[in-house]
Amino acid sequence: MMEKELKILIINGPNLNLLGTREPGVYGNQSFGDYFSTLQFQFKETELSYFQSNSEGDLITKIQQAEGVFDGIVLNAAAYTHTSVGIGDAIAAISVPVVEVHISNTFARESYRHHSYISKNAVGIIVGFGLKSYELAIKSFL
C-alpha cells in the first residue's frame, strides 16, 4: 500500500460540532462529518485527521501533540480565535505550520471578531469561503 504524501490535521473549536444545524444562514446546512468525508475523497493522496472540541485546553493539547506527527494543521479555533492567548502561544511553540480558517467572513461580523490571537503565528488565513475554506487551506500545503 502506498504511503500518503502529507499528513494534515484539521482542528475545529467550540460549537463547530453543530455545523449543519447551527445558524445555517451563516454556516450552511452540511455537517462537518459529511464534509470531512468529501475532503478525504478529494485529497486521496493526503492523510487527513480530524479533531473537534469545545474545550480550550483540549485544543491546546492537540496542537502540541501535532509536533513531529503532522505536516500541517488547518485550524478553526472558532470563538477561541478572539479570546485565547493560550492557543496562539501553542501555535508559536510548535514547528508545524498552521493555516487559520473561518467559515464566515469574520470581518463582516461583530467587531470583536475582527481580532485574532491565532493570525500572528499562522502561515496564512482563509476567511469567508464557507466550508470551502478548509479545502483552500489543504491546497495551500500541497
C-alpha atoms as a PDB file:
ATOM      1  CA  MET A   1       0.000   0.000   0.000  1.00  0.00           C
ATOM      2  CA  MET A   2       1.293   3.425  -0.945  1.00  0.00           C
ATOM      3  CA  GLU A   3       2.035   5.820   1.899  1.00  0.00           C
ATOM      4  CA  LYS A   4       0.199   9.146   1.922  1.00  0.00           C
ATOM      5  CA  GLU A   5       2.274  12.152   0.862  1.00  0.00           C
ATOM      6  CA  LEU A   6       1.235  14.573   3.610  1.00  0.00           C
ATOM      7  CA  LYS A   7      -0.413  14.271   6.992  1.00  0.00           C
ATOM      8  CA  ILE A   8      -2.728  17.164   7.792  1.00  0.00           C
ATOM      9  CA  LEU A   9      -4.714  17.641  10.982  1.00  0.00           C
ATOM     10  CA  ILE A  10      -7.942  19.620  10.895  1.00  0.00           C
ATOM     11  CA  ILE A  11      -8.894  21.063  14.278  1.00  0.00           C
ATOM     12  CA  ASN A  12     -12.263  22.668  14.951  1.00  0.00           C
ATOM     13  CA  GLY A  13     -13.119  24.606  18.081  1.00  0.00           C
ATOM     14  CA  PRO A  14     -16.285  25.266  20.046  1.00  0.00           C
ATOM     15  CA  ASN A  15     -19.750  24.839  18.574  1.00  0.00           C
ATOM     16  CA  LEU A  16     -18.447  23.588  15.234  1.00  0.00           C
ATOM     17  CA  ASN A  17     -19.791  20.167  16.206  1.00  0.00           C
ATOM     18  CA  LEU A  18     -23.187  21.780  15.489  1.00  0.00           C
ATOM     19  CA  LEU A  19     -22.451  22.544  11.826  1.00  0.00           C
ATOM     20  CA  GLY A  20     -25.440  21.676   9.701  1.00  0.00           C
ATOM     21  CA  THR A  21     -27.906  22.828  12.344  1.00  0.00           C
ATOM     22  CA  ARG A  22     -26.257  25.910  13.882  1.00  0.00           C
ATOM     23  CA  GLU A  23     -27.198  29.183  12.166  1.00  0.00           C
ATOM     24  CA  PRO A  24     -27.453  27.704   8.656  1.00  0.00           C
ATOM     25  CA  GLY A  25     -27.609  31.211   7.179  1.00  0.00           C
ATOM     26  CA  VAL A  26     -24.071  31.823   8.440  1.00  0.00           C
ATOM     27  CA  TYR A  27     -22.555  28.321   8.500  1.00  0.00           C
ATOM     28  CA  GLY A  28     -24.532  26.350   5.908  1.00  0.00           C
ATOM     29  CA  ASN A  29     -26.528  23.151   6.373  1.00  0.00           C
ATOM     30  CA  GLN A  30     -23.854  20.459   5.974  1.00  0.00           C
ATOM     31  CA  SER A  31     -22.376  18.683   8.982  1.00  0.00           C
ATOM     32  CA  PHE A  32     -18.597  18.727   9.250  1.00  0.00           C
ATOM     33  CA  GLY A  33     -18.548  14.928   9.339  1.00  0.00           C
ATOM     34  CA  ASP A  34     -20.174  14.803   5.906  1.00  0.00           C
ATOM     35  CA  TYR A  35     -17.837  17.483   4.603  1.00  0.00           C
ATOM     36  CA  PHE A  36     -14.791  15.700   6.045  1.00  0.00           C
ATOM     37  CA  SER A  37     -15.708  12.595   4.020  1.00  0.00           C
ATOM     38  CA  THR A  38     -15.783  14.798   0.912  1.00  0.00           C
ATOM     39  CA  LEU A  39     -12.325  16.174   1.754  1.00  0.00           C
ATOM     40  CA  GLN A  40     -10.929  12.676   2.270  1.00  0.00           C
ATOM     41  CA  PHE A  41     -12.260  11.656  -1.156  1.00  0.00           C
ATOM     42  CA  GLN A  42     -10.949  14.826  -2.797  1.00  0.00           C
ATOM     43  CA  PHE A  43      -7.462  14.571  -1.244  1.00  0.00           C
ATOM     44  CA  LYS A  44      -6.840  10.824  -1.528  1.00  0.00           C
ATOM     45  CA  GLU A  45      -3.049  11.268  -1.520  1.00  0.00           C
ATOM     46  CA  THR A  46      -3.173  13.205   1.756  1.00  0.00           C
ATOM     47  CA  GLU A  47      -3.775  11.654   5.157  1.00  0.00           C
ATOM     48  CA  LEU A  48      -6.399  13.817   6.817  1.00  0.00           C
ATOM     49  CA  SER A  49      -7.230  13.591  10.510  1.00  0.00           C
ATOM     50  CA  TYR A  50      -9.956  15.486  12.304  1.00  0.00           C
ATOM     51  CA  PHE A  51     -10.415  16.677  15.881  1.00  0.00           C
ATOM     52  CA  GLN A  52     -13.120  18.871  17.412  1.00  0.00           C
ATOM     53  CA  SER A  53     -13.503  20.083  20.970  1.00  0.00           C
ATOM     54  CA  ASN A  54     -15.464  22.693  22.837  1.00  0.00           C
ATOM     55  CA  SER A  55     -12.651  22.827  25.420  1.00  0.00           C
ATOM     56  CA  GLU A  56      -9.758  25.268  25.053  1.00  0.00           C
ATOM     57  CA  GLY A  57      -7.353  23.007  26.933  1.00  0.00           C
ATOM     58  CA  ASP A  58      -8.133  20.026  24.690  1.00  0.00           C
ATOM     59  CA  LEU A  59      -7.433  22.159  21.614  1.00  0.00           C
ATOM     60  CA  ILE A  60      -4.089  23.315  23.049  1.00  0.00           C
ATOM     61  CA  THR A  61      -3.105  19.739  23.887  1.00  0.00           C
ATOM     62  CA  LYS A  62      -3.994  18.547  20.378  1.00  0.00           C
ATOM     63  CA  ILE A  63      -1.934  21.349  18.807  1.00  0.00           C
ATOM     64  CA  GLN A  64       1.060  20.421  20.986  1.00  0.00           C
ATOM     65  CA  GLN A  65       0.690  16.711  20.130  1.00  0.00           C
ATOM     66  CA  ALA A  66       0.866  17.510  16.385  1.00  0.00           C
ATOM     67  CA  GLU A  67       4.594  18.273  16.663  1.00  0.00           C
ATOM     68  CA  GLY A  68       6.566  15.653  14.731  1.00  0.00           C
ATOM     69  CA  VAL A  69       3.387  13.847  13.659  1.00  0.00           C
ATOM     70  CA  PHE A  70       1.676  16.140  11.144  1.00  0.00           C
ATOM     71  CA  ASP A  71       2.952  18.208   8.237  1.00  0.00           C
ATOM     72  CA  GLY A  72       0.311  20.891   8.714  1.00  0.00           C
ATOM     73  CA  ILE A  73      -2.675  21.963  10.762  1.00  0.00           C
ATOM     74  CA  VAL A  74      -5.860  23.544   9.462  1.00  0.00           C
ATOM     75  CA  LEU A  75      -7.290  25.331  12.500  1.00  0.00           C
ATOM     76  CA  ASN A  76     -10.702  26.851  13.000  1.00  0.00           C
ATOM     77  CA  ALA A  77     -10.488  27.862  16.645  1.00  0.00           C
ATOM     78  CA  ALA A  78     -13.968  29.425  16.336  1.00  0.00           C
ATOM     79  CA  ALA A  79     -14.731  31.793  19.220  1.00  0.00           C
ATOM     80  CA  TYR A  80     -11.371  30.992  20.850  1.00  0.00           C
ATOM     81  CA  THR A  81      -9.742  32.778  17.901  1.00  0.00           C
ATOM     82  CA  HIS A  82     -10.749  36.051  19.522  1.00  0.00           C
ATOM     83  CA  THR A  83     -10.061  35.166  23.167  1.00  0.00           C
ATOM     84  CA  SER A  84      -7.331  32.546  23.547  1.00  0.00           C
ATOM     85  CA  VAL A  85      -3.788  33.713  24.097  1.00  0.00           C
ATOM     86  CA  GLY A  86      -3.080  30.084  25.050  1.00  0.00           C
ATOM     87  CA  ILE A  87      -3.979  28.714  21.618  1.00  0.00           C
ATOM     88  CA  GLY A  88      -1.869  31.415  19.969  1.00  0.00           C
ATOM     89  CA  ASP A  89       1.041  30.502  22.245  1.00  0.00           C
ATOM     90  CA  ALA A  90       0.633  26.779  21.461  1.00  0.00           C
ATOM     91  CA  ILE A  91       0.943  27.516  17.735  1.00  0.00           C
ATOM     92  CA  ALA A  92       4.047  29.623  18.348  1.00  0.00           C
ATOM     93  CA  ALA A  93       5.592  26.760  20.361  1.00  0.00           C
ATOM     94  CA  ILE A  94       5.452  24.151  17.578  1.00  0.00           C
ATOM     95  CA  SER A  95       7.162  23.927  14.201  1.00  0.00           C
ATOM     96  CA  VAL A  96       4.109  22.516  12.392  1.00  0.00           C
ATOM     97  CA  PRO A  97       2.680  25.196  10.079  1.00  0.00           C
ATOM     98  CA  VAL A  98      -0.888  26.284  10.846  1.00  0.00           C
ATOM     99  CA  VAL A  99      -3.420  27.779   8.453  1.00  0.00           C
ATOM    100  CA  GLU A 100      -6.203  29.641  10.269  1.00  0.00           C
ATOM    101  CA  VAL A 101      -9.628  29.180   8.687  1.00  0.00           C
ATOM    102  CA  HIS A 102     -13.072  30.614   9.263  1.00  0.00           C
ATOM    103  CA  ILE A 103     -16.263  29.601   7.514  1.00  0.00           C
ATOM    104  CA  SER A 104     -17.779  33.075   7.701  1.00  0.00           C
ATOM    105  CA  ASN A 105     -16.115  36.368   6.854  1.00  0.00           C
ATOM    106  CA  THR A 106     -15.231  37.383  10.402  1.00  0.00           C
ATOM    107  CA  PHE A 107     -14.509  40.949   9.254  1.00  0.00           C
ATOM    108  CA  ALA A 108     -18.115  41.357   8.095  1.00  0.00           C
ATOM    109  CA  ARG A 109     -19.403  40.375  11.546  1.00  0.00           C
ATOM    110  CA  GLU A 110     -19.274  41.849  15.047  1.00  0.00           C
ATOM    111  CA  SER A 111     -16.221  43.997  15.778  1.00  0.00           C
ATOM    112  CA  TYR A 112     -14.910  41.633  18.479  1.00  0.00           C
ATOM    113  CA  ARG A 113     -14.471  39.002  15.739  1.00  0.00           C
ATOM    114  CA  HIS A 114     -12.008  41.242  13.872  1.00  0.00           C
ATOM    115  CA  HIS A 115      -9.096  40.377  16.196  1.00  0.00           C
ATOM    116  CA  SER A 116      -7.344  37.008  16.188  1.00  0.00           C
ATOM    117  CA  TYR A 117      -4.808  35.630  18.658  1.00  0.00           C
ATOM    118  CA  ILE A 118      -4.079  32.929  16.054  1.00  0.00           C
ATOM    119  CA  SER A 119      -3.149  35.010  12.983  1.00  0.00           C
ATOM    120  CA  LYS A 120       0.219  36.259  14.214  1.00  0.00           C
ATOM    121  CA  ASN A 121       1.567  32.706  14.363  1.00  0.00           C
ATOM    122  CA  ALA A 122      -0.283  31.238  11.362  1.00  0.00           C
ATOM    123  CA  VAL A 123       1.315  30.864   7.936  1.00  0.00           C
ATOM    124  CA  GLY A 124      -1.931  32.054   6.364  1.00  0.00           C
ATOM    125  CA  ILE A 125      -5.558  32.934   6.975  1.00  0.00           C
ATOM    126  CA  ILE A 126      -8.608  31.951   4.924  1.00  0.00           C
ATOM    127  CA  VAL A 127     -11.956  33.540   5.802  1.00  0.00           C
ATOM    128  CA  GLY A 128     -15.404  33.723   4.317  1.00  0.00           C
ATOM    129  CA  PHE A 129     -15.495  30.878   1.787  1.00  0.00           C
ATOM    130  CA  GLY A 130     -17.818  28.631   3.764  1.00  0.00           C
ATOM    131  CA  LEU A 131     -16.667  25.059   4.187  1.00  0.00           C
ATOM    132  CA  LYS A 132     -14.536  25.549   1.052  1.00  0.00           C
ATOM    133  CA  SER A 133     -12.147  27.456   3.385  1.00  0.00           C
ATOM    134  CA  TYR A 134     -10.878  24.056   4.571  1.00  0.00           C
ATOM    135  CA  GLU A 135     -10.270  22.843   1.012  1.00  0.00           C
ATOM    136  CA  LEU A 136      -8.313  26.009   0.229  1.00  0.00           C
ATOM    137  CA  ALA A 137      -6.228  25.552   3.381  1.00  0.00           C
ATOM    138  CA  ILE A 138      -5.387  21.944   2.495  1.00  0.00           C
ATOM    139  CA  LYS A 139      -4.414  23.018  -1.017  1.00  0.00           C
ATOM    140  CA  SER A 140      -2.021  25.564   0.484  1.00  0.00           C
ATOM    141  CA  PHE A 141       0.020  22.673   1.939  1.00  0.00           C
ATOM    142  CA  LEU A 142       0.217  20.777  -1.368  1.00  0.00           C
END
